[in-house]
Structure formats: C-alpha cells, structure tokens
C-alpha cells in the first residue's frame, strides 16, 4: 500500500468512529511520571461539620425507625467501645443500629458495669 492510500483509510476509519460517537485519543498533558497524591485528602472543618450533621440526622432517623425517640447523637447514642469507656456494658441480646460505618447503641440498651471486687 502506498502512503496516500493508508492516509485515506485512516481518515475514513476516524470519520466512521466519529459518526458513532467515539473520540480520538488525546495525548496526556503534563509530566509523564507526575506523582499523584496518595491516600485521602484532609477534610476542612466545614466539610467535617457537614458530615457530622448528616450522620446525626441519619442516626436520629435510624433510631426513630426502631421506635426510640429520645436520641442525642454523641450523648446517649454511642458505639460499644465508647459505652465501655464510660463504664457501661451493652445488655446481652441487644442489637446495634447501623448508621453509616458505625454500629450504635442507645443508652436504654446498656447497663452499669458491675464493680470489680478487689481492684
């Protein structure tokens, strides 16, 4: 094949692909080996407040669906570990309410931890 025939074929293929909605490949801009930022980006205080407000609203809605109306996120609704740190244990048989990435328990599902004798 001659160079002129090859150019005609390439142009015809590009026109057919463009008609079907395909775009021609673009050259990468910038450095070839540019380093990408690793890990998650730090959130600003405003972004943190937005996420906290959304989680609080989801928490109230999830516990309301379970029939618990007295819900104050981060006060009387905490994770298992946070209740343990406050000296309370989750009662046997109680189930957590999943809110986002957290398994939460209402204070009504906990009891005071028994005092340890001899400690």
C-alpha atoms as a PDB file:
ATOM      1  CA  UNK A   1       0.000   0.000   0.000  1.00  0.00           C
ATOM      2  CA  UNK A   2       1.073   3.498  -0.671  1.00  0.00           C
ATOM      3  CA  UNK A   3       1.221   6.225   1.965  1.00  0.00           C
ATOM      4  CA  UNK A   4      -1.600   8.113   0.263  1.00  0.00           C
ATOM      5  CA  UNK A   5      -3.911   5.056   0.376  1.00  0.00           C
ATOM      6  CA  UNK A   6      -3.048   4.489   4.042  1.00  0.00           C
ATOM      7  CA  UNK A   7      -3.879   8.125   4.921  1.00  0.00           C
ATOM      8  CA  UNK A   8      -7.216   7.790   3.110  1.00  0.00           C
ATOM      9  CA  UNK A   9      -8.066   4.607   5.036  1.00  0.00           C
ATOM     10  CA  UNK A  10      -7.097   6.194   8.383  1.00  0.00           C
ATOM     11  CA  UNK A  11      -9.244   9.250   7.623  1.00  0.00           C
ATOM     12  CA  UNK A  12     -12.207   7.033   6.674  1.00  0.00           C
ATOM     13  CA  UNK A  13     -11.893   4.998   9.911  1.00  0.00           C
ATOM     14  CA  UNK A  14     -11.674   8.177  12.012  1.00  0.00           C
ATOM     15  CA  UNK A  15     -14.748   9.600  10.284  1.00  0.00           C
ATOM     16  CA  UNK A  16     -16.688   6.350  10.896  1.00  0.00           C
ATOM     17  CA  UNK A  17     -15.714   6.303  14.576  1.00  0.00           C
ATOM     18  CA  UNK A  18     -16.611   9.985  14.983  1.00  0.00           C
ATOM     19  CA  UNK A  19     -20.022   9.283  13.473  1.00  0.00           C
ATOM     20  CA  UNK A  20     -20.600   6.591  16.138  1.00  0.00           C
ATOM     21  CA  UNK A  21     -19.609   8.973  18.930  1.00  0.00           C
ATOM     22  CA  UNK A  22     -16.037   7.787  19.549  1.00  0.00           C
ATOM     23  CA  UNK A  23     -13.431  10.422  20.244  1.00  0.00           C
ATOM     24  CA  UNK A  24      -9.858  10.354  19.041  1.00  0.00           C
ATOM     25  CA  UNK A  25      -7.336   9.529  21.769  1.00  0.00           C
ATOM     26  CA  UNK A  26      -5.809  12.587  23.419  1.00  0.00           C
ATOM     27  CA  UNK A  27      -2.196  12.974  24.375  1.00  0.00           C
ATOM     28  CA  UNK A  28      -1.576  13.137  28.085  1.00  0.00           C
ATOM     29  CA  UNK A  29      -0.875  16.627  29.341  1.00  0.00           C
ATOM     30  CA  UNK A  30       1.808  17.426  31.849  1.00  0.00           C
ATOM     31  CA  UNK A  31       4.641  15.246  33.028  1.00  0.00           C
ATOM     32  CA  UNK A  32       4.600  11.566  32.217  1.00  0.00           C
ATOM     33  CA  UNK A  33       5.627  10.405  35.643  1.00  0.00           C
ATOM     34  CA  UNK A  34       3.878  13.036  37.744  1.00  0.00           C
ATOM     35  CA  UNK A  35       3.225  11.768  41.260  1.00  0.00           C
ATOM     36  CA  UNK A  36      -0.391  11.549  42.318  1.00  0.00           C
ATOM     37  CA  UNK A  37      -1.341  12.400  45.885  1.00  0.00           C
ATOM     38  CA  UNK A  38      -1.591   9.242  47.962  1.00  0.00           C
ATOM     39  CA  UNK A  39      -4.306   8.460  50.462  1.00  0.00           C
ATOM     40  CA  UNK A  40      -7.282  10.561  51.394  1.00  0.00           C
ATOM     41  CA  UNK A  41      -7.276  14.319  51.382  1.00  0.00           C
ATOM     42  CA  UNK A  42      -7.684  16.057  54.749  1.00  0.00           C
ATOM     43  CA  UNK A  43     -11.156  17.458  55.341  1.00  0.00           C
ATOM     44  CA  UNK A  44     -11.688  21.081  56.244  1.00  0.00           C
ATOM     45  CA  UNK A  45     -13.622  21.970  59.390  1.00  0.00           C
ATOM     46  CA  UNK A  46     -16.622  22.957  57.275  1.00  0.00           C
ATOM     47  CA  UNK A  47     -16.600  19.572  55.496  1.00  0.00           C
ATOM     48  CA  UNK A  48     -16.312  17.780  58.842  1.00  0.00           C
ATOM     49  CA  UNK A  49     -19.313  19.717  60.149  1.00  0.00           C
ATOM     50  CA  UNK A  50     -21.359  18.742  57.084  1.00  0.00           C
ATOM     51  CA  UNK A  51     -20.527  15.039  57.531  1.00  0.00           C
ATOM     52  CA  UNK A  52     -21.277  15.211  61.273  1.00  0.00           C
ATOM     53  CA  UNK A  53     -24.655  16.857  60.656  1.00  0.00           C
ATOM     54  CA  UNK A  54     -25.541  14.229  58.048  1.00  0.00           C
ATOM     55  CA  UNK A  55     -24.523  11.395  60.396  1.00  0.00           C
ATOM     56  CA  UNK A  56     -26.567  12.942  63.227  1.00  0.00           C
ATOM     57  CA  UNK A  57     -29.654  13.185  61.015  1.00  0.00           C
ATOM     58  CA  UNK A  58     -29.186   9.590  59.822  1.00  0.00           C
ATOM     59  CA  UNK A  59     -28.746   8.458  63.457  1.00  0.00           C
ATOM     60  CA  UNK A  60     -31.958  10.134  64.603  1.00  0.00           C
ATOM     61  CA  UNK A  61     -33.889   8.677  61.650  1.00  0.00           C
ATOM     62  CA  UNK A  62     -32.498   5.157  62.197  1.00  0.00           C
ATOM     63  CA  UNK A  63     -33.371   5.106  65.905  1.00  0.00           C
ATOM     64  CA  UNK A  64     -36.801   6.644  65.234  1.00  0.00           C
ATOM     65  CA  UNK A  65     -37.457   3.747  62.840  1.00  0.00           C
ATOM     66  CA  UNK A  66     -36.656   1.386  65.741  1.00  0.00           C
ATOM     67  CA  UNK A  67     -39.111   3.233  67.999  1.00  0.00           C
ATOM     68  CA  UNK A  68     -36.614   5.165  70.132  1.00  0.00           C
ATOM     69  CA  UNK A  69     -37.456   8.882  70.248  1.00  0.00           C
ATOM     70  CA  UNK A  70     -35.017  10.264  72.864  1.00  0.00           C
ATOM     71  CA  UNK A  71     -31.931  10.317  70.632  1.00  0.00           C
ATOM     72  CA  UNK A  72     -28.996  12.656  71.165  1.00  0.00           C
ATOM     73  CA  UNK A  73     -26.056  11.598  68.979  1.00  0.00           C
ATOM     74  CA  UNK A  74     -22.723  11.519  70.837  1.00  0.00           C
ATOM     75  CA  UNK A  75     -24.547  11.808  74.178  1.00  0.00           C
ATOM     76  CA  UNK A  76     -26.934   8.882  74.648  1.00  0.00           C
ATOM     77  CA  UNK A  77     -26.136   7.020  71.421  1.00  0.00           C
ATOM     78  CA  UNK A  78     -22.600   5.642  71.227  1.00  0.00           C
ATOM     79  CA  UNK A  79     -20.583   2.692  69.943  1.00  0.00           C
ATOM     80  CA  UNK A  80     -19.928  -0.407  72.078  1.00  0.00           C
ATOM     81  CA  UNK A  81     -16.382   0.707  72.856  1.00  0.00           C
ATOM     82  CA  UNK A  82     -17.430   4.234  73.862  1.00  0.00           C
ATOM     83  CA  UNK A  83     -20.061   2.843  76.264  1.00  0.00           C
ATOM     84  CA  UNK A  84     -17.394   0.546  77.731  1.00  0.00           C
ATOM     85  CA  UNK A  85     -15.058   3.523  78.230  1.00  0.00           C
ATOM     86  CA  UNK A  86     -17.880   5.312  80.109  1.00  0.00           C
ATOM     87  CA  UNK A  87     -18.323   2.329  82.450  1.00  0.00           C
ATOM     88  CA  UNK A  88     -21.427   0.836  80.826  1.00  0.00           C
ATOM     89  CA  UNK A  89     -21.940  -2.514  79.114  1.00  0.00           C
ATOM     90  CA  UNK A  90     -24.378  -3.356  76.356  1.00  0.00           C
ATOM     91  CA  UNK A  91     -27.055  -5.741  77.644  1.00  0.00           C
ATOM     92  CA  UNK A  92     -26.947  -9.302  76.422  1.00  0.00           C
ATOM     93  CA  UNK A  93     -29.064  -9.835  73.310  1.00  0.00           C
ATOM     94  CA  UNK A  94     -29.217  -6.170  72.291  1.00  0.00           C
ATOM     95  CA  UNK A  95     -28.640  -5.459  68.608  1.00  0.00           C
ATOM     96  CA  UNK A  96     -26.762  -2.476  67.230  1.00  0.00           C
ATOM     97  CA  UNK A  97     -28.295   0.040  64.860  1.00  0.00           C
ATOM     98  CA  UNK A  98     -26.096   0.544  61.813  1.00  0.00           C
ATOM     99  CA  UNK A  99     -25.622   4.204  60.894  1.00  0.00           C
ATOM    100  CA  UNK A 100     -23.063   4.750  58.147  1.00  0.00           C
ATOM    101  CA  UNK A 101     -19.899   2.944  59.218  1.00  0.00           C
ATOM    102  CA  UNK A 102     -20.922   2.822  62.900  1.00  0.00           C
ATOM    103  CA  UNK A 103     -22.759   0.222  64.998  1.00  0.00           C
ATOM    104  CA  UNK A 104     -24.544   2.308  67.625  1.00  0.00           C
ATOM    105  CA  UNK A 105     -26.380   1.505  70.867  1.00  0.00           C
ATOM    106  CA  UNK A 106     -28.847   3.707  72.748  1.00  0.00           C
ATOM    107  CA  UNK A 107     -28.352   4.178  76.489  1.00  0.00           C
ATOM    108  CA  UNK A 108     -31.507   2.117  77.092  1.00  0.00           C
ATOM    109  CA  UNK A 109     -29.643  -0.882  75.645  1.00  0.00           C
ATOM    110  CA  UNK A 110     -26.850  -0.570  78.226  1.00  0.00           C
ATOM    111  CA  UNK A 111     -26.421  -1.069  81.957  1.00  0.00           C
ATOM    112  CA  UNK A 112     -23.862  -0.009  84.543  1.00  0.00           C
ATOM    113  CA  UNK A 113     -20.808  -2.246  84.558  1.00  0.00           C
ATOM    114  CA  UNK A 114     -20.560  -4.331  87.716  1.00  0.00           C
ATOM    115  CA  UNK A 115     -17.980  -3.184  90.236  1.00  0.00           C
ATOM    116  CA  UNK A 116     -14.841  -5.316  90.314  1.00  0.00           C
ATOM    117  CA  UNK A 117     -14.128  -6.709  93.791  1.00  0.00           C
ATOM    118  CA  UNK A 118     -10.541  -6.441  94.962  1.00  0.00           C
ATOM    119  CA  UNK A 119      -9.435  -3.942  92.363  1.00  0.00           C
END
